[in-house]
N, C-alpha and C. Protein backbone atom coordinates (compact mmCIF):
# COMPACT_ATOMS: atom_id res chain seq x y z
N UNK A 1 -8.27 27.58 -13.36
CA UNK A 1 -7.27 26.58 -13.67
C UNK A 1 -7.00 26.59 -15.16
N UNK A 2 -5.77 26.26 -15.52
CA UNK A 2 -5.33 26.23 -16.91
C UNK A 2 -4.78 24.83 -17.24
N UNK A 3 -4.87 24.48 -18.51
CA UNK A 3 -4.25 23.25 -19.01
C UNK A 3 -3.23 23.67 -20.04
N UNK A 4 -1.98 23.28 -19.80
CA UNK A 4 -0.88 23.62 -20.69
C UNK A 4 -0.54 22.39 -21.52
N UNK A 5 -0.55 22.56 -22.84
CA UNK A 5 -0.06 21.54 -23.76
C UNK A 5 1.28 22.05 -24.28
N UNK A 6 2.35 21.32 -24.03
CA UNK A 6 3.67 21.72 -24.50
C UNK A 6 4.21 20.62 -25.42
N UNK A 7 4.43 20.97 -26.67
CA UNK A 7 4.98 20.02 -27.63
C UNK A 7 6.46 20.32 -27.75
N UNK A 8 7.29 19.37 -27.31
CA UNK A 8 8.74 19.58 -27.29
C UNK A 8 9.43 18.45 -28.05
N UNK A 9 10.66 18.68 -28.44
CA UNK A 9 11.46 17.67 -29.10
C UNK A 9 11.67 16.49 -28.16
N UNK A 10 11.70 15.28 -28.71
CA UNK A 10 11.92 14.08 -27.89
C UNK A 10 13.19 14.20 -27.04
N UNK A 11 14.21 14.86 -27.58
CA UNK A 11 15.47 14.99 -26.84
C UNK A 11 15.32 15.85 -25.58
N UNK A 12 14.28 16.70 -25.54
CA UNK A 12 14.07 17.58 -24.40
C UNK A 12 12.95 17.10 -23.47
N UNK A 13 12.13 16.18 -23.94
CA UNK A 13 10.93 15.78 -23.21
C UNK A 13 11.16 15.34 -21.78
N UNK A 14 12.11 14.42 -21.57
CA UNK A 14 12.36 13.92 -20.22
C UNK A 14 12.92 14.98 -19.29
N UNK A 15 13.77 15.86 -19.84
CA UNK A 15 14.35 16.93 -19.02
C UNK A 15 13.26 17.91 -18.57
N UNK A 16 12.40 18.31 -19.50
CA UNK A 16 11.32 19.24 -19.16
C UNK A 16 10.41 18.61 -18.11
N UNK A 17 10.06 17.35 -18.33
CA UNK A 17 9.17 16.64 -17.40
C UNK A 17 9.80 16.54 -16.00
N UNK A 18 11.08 16.22 -15.94
CA UNK A 18 11.78 16.11 -14.65
C UNK A 18 11.80 17.44 -13.91
N UNK A 19 12.08 18.52 -14.64
CA UNK A 19 12.14 19.84 -14.00
C UNK A 19 10.77 20.26 -13.48
N UNK A 20 9.71 19.95 -14.24
CA UNK A 20 8.36 20.25 -13.78
C UNK A 20 8.02 19.44 -12.53
N UNK A 21 8.38 18.15 -12.53
CA UNK A 21 8.13 17.29 -11.37
C UNK A 21 8.90 17.77 -10.14
N UNK A 22 10.15 18.22 -10.34
CA UNK A 22 10.95 18.73 -9.22
C UNK A 22 10.26 19.91 -8.53
N UNK A 23 9.54 20.70 -9.29
CA UNK A 23 8.83 21.86 -8.75
C UNK A 23 7.42 21.53 -8.28
N UNK A 24 7.07 20.22 -8.30
CA UNK A 24 5.79 19.79 -7.76
C UNK A 24 4.63 19.76 -8.74
N UNK A 25 4.89 19.92 -10.03
CA UNK A 25 3.83 19.89 -11.03
C UNK A 25 3.62 18.46 -11.54
N UNK A 26 2.38 18.04 -11.64
CA UNK A 26 2.05 16.74 -12.22
C UNK A 26 2.00 16.89 -13.73
N UNK A 27 2.57 15.93 -14.43
CA UNK A 27 2.68 16.00 -15.89
C UNK A 27 2.22 14.69 -16.50
N UNK A 28 1.46 14.78 -17.58
CA UNK A 28 1.10 13.61 -18.37
C UNK A 28 1.85 13.70 -19.68
N UNK A 29 2.52 12.61 -20.06
CA UNK A 29 3.35 12.58 -21.26
C UNK A 29 2.64 11.79 -22.35
N UNK A 30 2.58 12.37 -23.55
CA UNK A 30 2.02 11.70 -24.71
C UNK A 30 3.09 11.65 -25.80
N UNK A 31 3.20 10.53 -26.49
CA UNK A 31 4.10 10.44 -27.63
C UNK A 31 3.38 11.00 -28.85
N UNK A 32 4.09 11.79 -29.64
CA UNK A 32 3.48 12.38 -30.83
C UNK A 32 4.55 12.53 -31.90
N UNK A 33 4.13 12.86 -33.09
CA UNK A 33 5.10 13.10 -34.16
C UNK A 33 4.72 14.37 -34.90
N UNK A 34 5.75 15.06 -35.40
CA UNK A 34 5.54 16.33 -36.07
C UNK A 34 5.11 16.16 -37.52
N UNK A 35 4.46 17.16 -38.05
CA UNK A 35 3.97 17.11 -39.41
C UNK A 35 5.02 17.46 -40.45
N UNK A 36 5.93 18.39 -40.14
CA UNK A 36 6.89 18.85 -41.13
C UNK A 36 7.99 17.82 -41.38
N UNK A 37 8.71 17.44 -40.35
CA UNK A 37 9.80 16.46 -40.50
C UNK A 37 9.38 15.05 -40.14
N UNK A 38 8.17 14.91 -39.60
CA UNK A 38 7.65 13.62 -39.18
C UNK A 38 8.57 12.91 -38.19
N UNK A 39 9.15 13.71 -37.31
CA UNK A 39 10.02 13.16 -36.28
C UNK A 39 9.28 13.11 -34.96
N UNK A 40 9.84 12.37 -34.01
CA UNK A 40 9.19 12.20 -32.72
C UNK A 40 9.19 13.46 -31.89
N UNK A 41 8.07 13.69 -31.26
CA UNK A 41 7.90 14.78 -30.31
C UNK A 41 7.37 14.19 -29.02
N UNK A 42 7.41 14.99 -28.00
CA UNK A 42 6.76 14.65 -26.74
C UNK A 42 5.76 15.75 -26.44
N UNK A 43 4.52 15.38 -26.19
CA UNK A 43 3.50 16.35 -25.81
C UNK A 43 3.26 16.19 -24.32
N UNK A 44 3.46 17.26 -23.59
CA UNK A 44 3.27 17.24 -22.14
C UNK A 44 2.00 18.01 -21.80
N UNK A 45 1.18 17.45 -20.92
CA UNK A 45 -0.02 18.12 -20.44
C UNK A 45 0.16 18.41 -18.96
N UNK A 46 -0.05 19.67 -18.59
CA UNK A 46 0.13 20.09 -17.21
C UNK A 46 -1.10 20.89 -16.79
N UNK A 47 -1.81 20.40 -15.79
CA UNK A 47 -2.91 21.16 -15.19
C UNK A 47 -2.31 22.04 -14.10
N UNK A 48 -2.60 23.34 -14.16
CA UNK A 48 -1.94 24.26 -13.23
C UNK A 48 -2.89 25.38 -12.84
N UNK A 49 -2.78 25.80 -11.59
CA UNK A 49 -3.51 26.97 -11.12
C UNK A 49 -2.96 28.20 -11.84
N UNK A 50 -3.82 29.13 -12.12
CA UNK A 50 -3.43 30.31 -12.89
C UNK A 50 -2.28 31.08 -12.24
N UNK A 51 -2.17 31.03 -10.91
CA UNK A 51 -1.10 31.75 -10.23
C UNK A 51 0.27 31.12 -10.48
N UNK A 52 0.31 29.86 -10.91
CA UNK A 52 1.57 29.15 -11.16
C UNK A 52 1.88 29.00 -12.65
N UNK A 53 1.02 29.55 -13.50
CA UNK A 53 1.16 29.39 -14.95
C UNK A 53 2.50 29.89 -15.46
N UNK A 54 2.92 31.08 -15.06
CA UNK A 54 4.18 31.65 -15.55
C UNK A 54 5.37 30.79 -15.15
N UNK A 55 5.32 30.19 -13.98
CA UNK A 55 6.41 29.31 -13.54
C UNK A 55 6.52 28.09 -14.45
N UNK A 56 5.38 27.50 -14.80
CA UNK A 56 5.38 26.35 -15.70
C UNK A 56 5.93 26.74 -17.07
N UNK A 57 5.47 27.87 -17.61
CA UNK A 57 5.94 28.31 -18.92
C UNK A 57 7.44 28.58 -18.91
N UNK A 58 7.94 29.15 -17.84
CA UNK A 58 9.37 29.44 -17.73
C UNK A 58 10.19 28.15 -17.71
N UNK A 59 9.73 27.15 -16.98
CA UNK A 59 10.43 25.86 -16.93
C UNK A 59 10.49 25.24 -18.33
N UNK A 60 9.38 25.27 -19.03
CA UNK A 60 9.34 24.69 -20.38
C UNK A 60 10.29 25.44 -21.30
N UNK A 61 10.23 26.76 -21.27
CA UNK A 61 11.09 27.57 -22.14
C UNK A 61 12.57 27.38 -21.84
N UNK A 62 12.92 27.29 -20.57
CA UNK A 62 14.33 27.16 -20.19
C UNK A 62 14.91 25.78 -20.49
N UNK A 63 14.08 24.79 -20.73
CA UNK A 63 14.58 23.43 -20.92
C UNK A 63 14.24 22.84 -22.28
N UNK A 64 13.82 23.66 -23.22
CA UNK A 64 13.51 23.23 -24.58
C UNK A 64 14.42 23.98 -25.54
N UNK A 65 15.36 23.25 -26.12
CA UNK A 65 16.35 23.88 -26.99
C UNK A 65 15.93 23.81 -28.45
N UNK A 66 16.22 24.87 -29.16
CA UNK A 66 16.08 24.86 -30.61
C UNK A 66 17.44 24.43 -31.16
N UNK A 67 17.45 23.59 -32.17
CA UNK A 67 18.70 23.11 -32.75
C UNK A 67 18.58 23.05 -34.26
N UNK A 68 19.69 23.01 -34.92
CA UNK A 68 19.70 22.93 -36.38
C UNK A 68 19.85 21.48 -36.81
N UNK A 69 19.17 21.13 -37.90
CA UNK A 69 19.24 19.77 -38.43
C UNK A 69 19.29 19.87 -39.95
N UNK A 70 20.11 19.03 -40.57
CA UNK A 70 20.20 19.01 -42.02
C UNK A 70 19.25 17.93 -42.54
N UNK A 71 18.42 18.32 -43.51
CA UNK A 71 17.51 17.36 -44.14
C UNK A 71 17.74 17.38 -45.64
N UNK A 72 17.44 16.26 -46.29
CA UNK A 72 17.55 16.17 -47.74
C UNK A 72 16.17 16.32 -48.35
N UNK A 73 16.06 17.23 -49.31
CA UNK A 73 14.79 17.44 -49.99
C UNK A 73 14.95 17.05 -51.45
N UNK A 74 13.96 16.35 -52.02
CA UNK A 74 14.07 16.00 -53.44
C UNK A 74 13.97 17.25 -54.31
N UNK A 75 14.82 17.31 -55.33
CA UNK A 75 14.83 18.46 -56.22
C UNK A 75 14.09 18.13 -57.51
N UNK A 76 14.56 17.09 -58.23
CA UNK A 76 13.93 16.73 -59.50
C UNK A 76 14.35 15.33 -59.89
N UNK A 77 13.54 14.73 -60.76
CA UNK A 77 13.86 13.42 -61.30
C UNK A 77 14.94 13.59 -62.37
N UNK A 78 15.98 12.75 -62.31
CA UNK A 78 17.09 12.85 -63.26
C UNK A 78 16.74 12.20 -64.59
N UNK A 79 16.07 11.06 -64.53
CA UNK A 79 15.73 10.36 -65.78
C UNK A 79 14.46 9.56 -65.61
N UNK A 80 14.14 8.77 -66.59
CA UNK A 80 12.91 7.98 -66.57
C UNK A 80 12.93 6.89 -65.51
N UNK A 81 14.10 6.58 -64.96
CA UNK A 81 14.21 5.54 -63.94
C UNK A 81 13.82 6.06 -62.56
N UNK A 82 13.33 7.28 -62.53
CA UNK A 82 12.90 7.91 -61.27
C UNK A 82 14.01 8.01 -60.23
N UNK A 83 15.18 8.37 -60.68
CA UNK A 83 16.28 8.64 -59.77
C UNK A 83 16.19 10.13 -59.41
N UNK A 84 16.09 10.42 -58.13
CA UNK A 84 15.91 11.80 -57.69
C UNK A 84 17.20 12.40 -57.16
N UNK A 85 17.43 13.64 -57.52
CA UNK A 85 18.52 14.42 -56.95
C UNK A 85 17.98 15.01 -55.65
N UNK A 86 18.85 15.18 -54.66
CA UNK A 86 18.41 15.79 -53.41
C UNK A 86 19.23 17.04 -53.12
N UNK A 87 18.65 17.88 -52.34
CA UNK A 87 19.31 19.11 -51.93
C UNK A 87 19.29 19.14 -50.40
N UNK A 88 20.47 19.25 -49.79
CA UNK A 88 20.55 19.31 -48.33
C UNK A 88 20.28 20.74 -47.86
N UNK A 89 19.33 20.89 -46.94
CA UNK A 89 19.06 22.20 -46.36
C UNK A 89 19.07 22.10 -44.84
N UNK A 90 19.42 23.20 -44.20
CA UNK A 90 19.48 23.24 -42.75
C UNK A 90 18.20 23.91 -42.23
N UNK A 91 17.54 23.24 -41.26
CA UNK A 91 16.31 23.79 -40.68
C UNK A 91 16.45 23.82 -39.16
N UNK A 92 15.69 24.70 -38.52
CA UNK A 92 15.63 24.74 -37.06
C UNK A 92 14.57 23.76 -36.58
N UNK A 93 14.92 22.94 -35.61
CA UNK A 93 13.98 22.01 -34.99
C UNK A 93 14.07 22.19 -33.49
N UNK A 94 13.09 21.66 -32.80
CA UNK A 94 13.11 21.74 -31.34
C UNK A 94 12.40 22.97 -30.83
N UNK A 95 12.83 23.40 -29.66
CA UNK A 95 12.11 24.47 -29.01
C UNK A 95 10.83 23.90 -28.44
N UNK A 96 9.82 24.71 -28.31
CA UNK A 96 8.54 24.23 -27.78
C UNK A 96 7.40 24.99 -28.42
N UNK A 97 6.32 24.28 -28.65
CA UNK A 97 5.06 24.90 -29.05
C UNK A 97 4.12 24.71 -27.87
N UNK A 98 3.58 25.81 -27.36
CA UNK A 98 2.81 25.75 -26.11
C UNK A 98 1.41 26.31 -26.33
N UNK A 99 0.43 25.55 -25.87
CA UNK A 99 -0.96 26.00 -25.89
C UNK A 99 -1.44 26.06 -24.44
N UNK A 100 -2.14 27.12 -24.09
CA UNK A 100 -2.72 27.24 -22.76
C UNK A 100 -4.22 27.43 -22.93
N UNK A 101 -5.00 26.54 -22.30
CA UNK A 101 -6.45 26.61 -22.42
C UNK A 101 -7.09 26.67 -21.04
N UNK A 102 -8.25 27.29 -20.98
CA UNK A 102 -9.00 27.34 -19.72
C UNK A 102 -9.62 25.98 -19.44
N UNK A 103 -9.66 25.63 -18.16
CA UNK A 103 -10.29 24.39 -17.72
C UNK A 103 -11.60 24.76 -17.04
N UNK A 104 -12.67 24.26 -17.59
CA UNK A 104 -13.98 24.55 -17.02
C UNK A 104 -14.21 23.79 -15.73
N UNK A 105 -13.73 22.54 -15.69
CA UNK A 105 -13.94 21.72 -14.50
C UNK A 105 -12.76 20.76 -14.37
N UNK A 106 -12.31 20.55 -13.14
CA UNK A 106 -11.23 19.61 -12.85
C UNK A 106 -11.66 18.73 -11.72
N UNK A 107 -11.48 17.43 -11.90
CA UNK A 107 -11.85 16.48 -10.86
C UNK A 107 -10.85 15.34 -10.88
N UNK A 108 -10.29 15.04 -9.73
CA UNK A 108 -9.35 13.94 -9.61
C UNK A 108 -9.99 12.86 -8.74
N UNK A 109 -10.12 11.65 -9.28
CA UNK A 109 -10.79 10.58 -8.53
C UNK A 109 -9.84 9.44 -8.27
């Protein structure tokens, strides 16, 4: 048995979860936030038999979009009043980060 941790953008979380549920997979949803942009993410945990692992990964990949987002980054202080100039840059966000780990024991009570 495998445990899949899929970290997806909040905008994709419900869609990924629904598609997994439609195919009969049980999913646990955790709210999380990213380190780089500090925006909301959804972390999904899916316990799956090894024979169904590729199906789960395919569902996650097909329903997690990468998108571009413009963020403002501070460039430098303009004067002693600590007024900062910003520089707008475009970054890719979204998609999915997926971890697959072995499960030593599974028990449902």
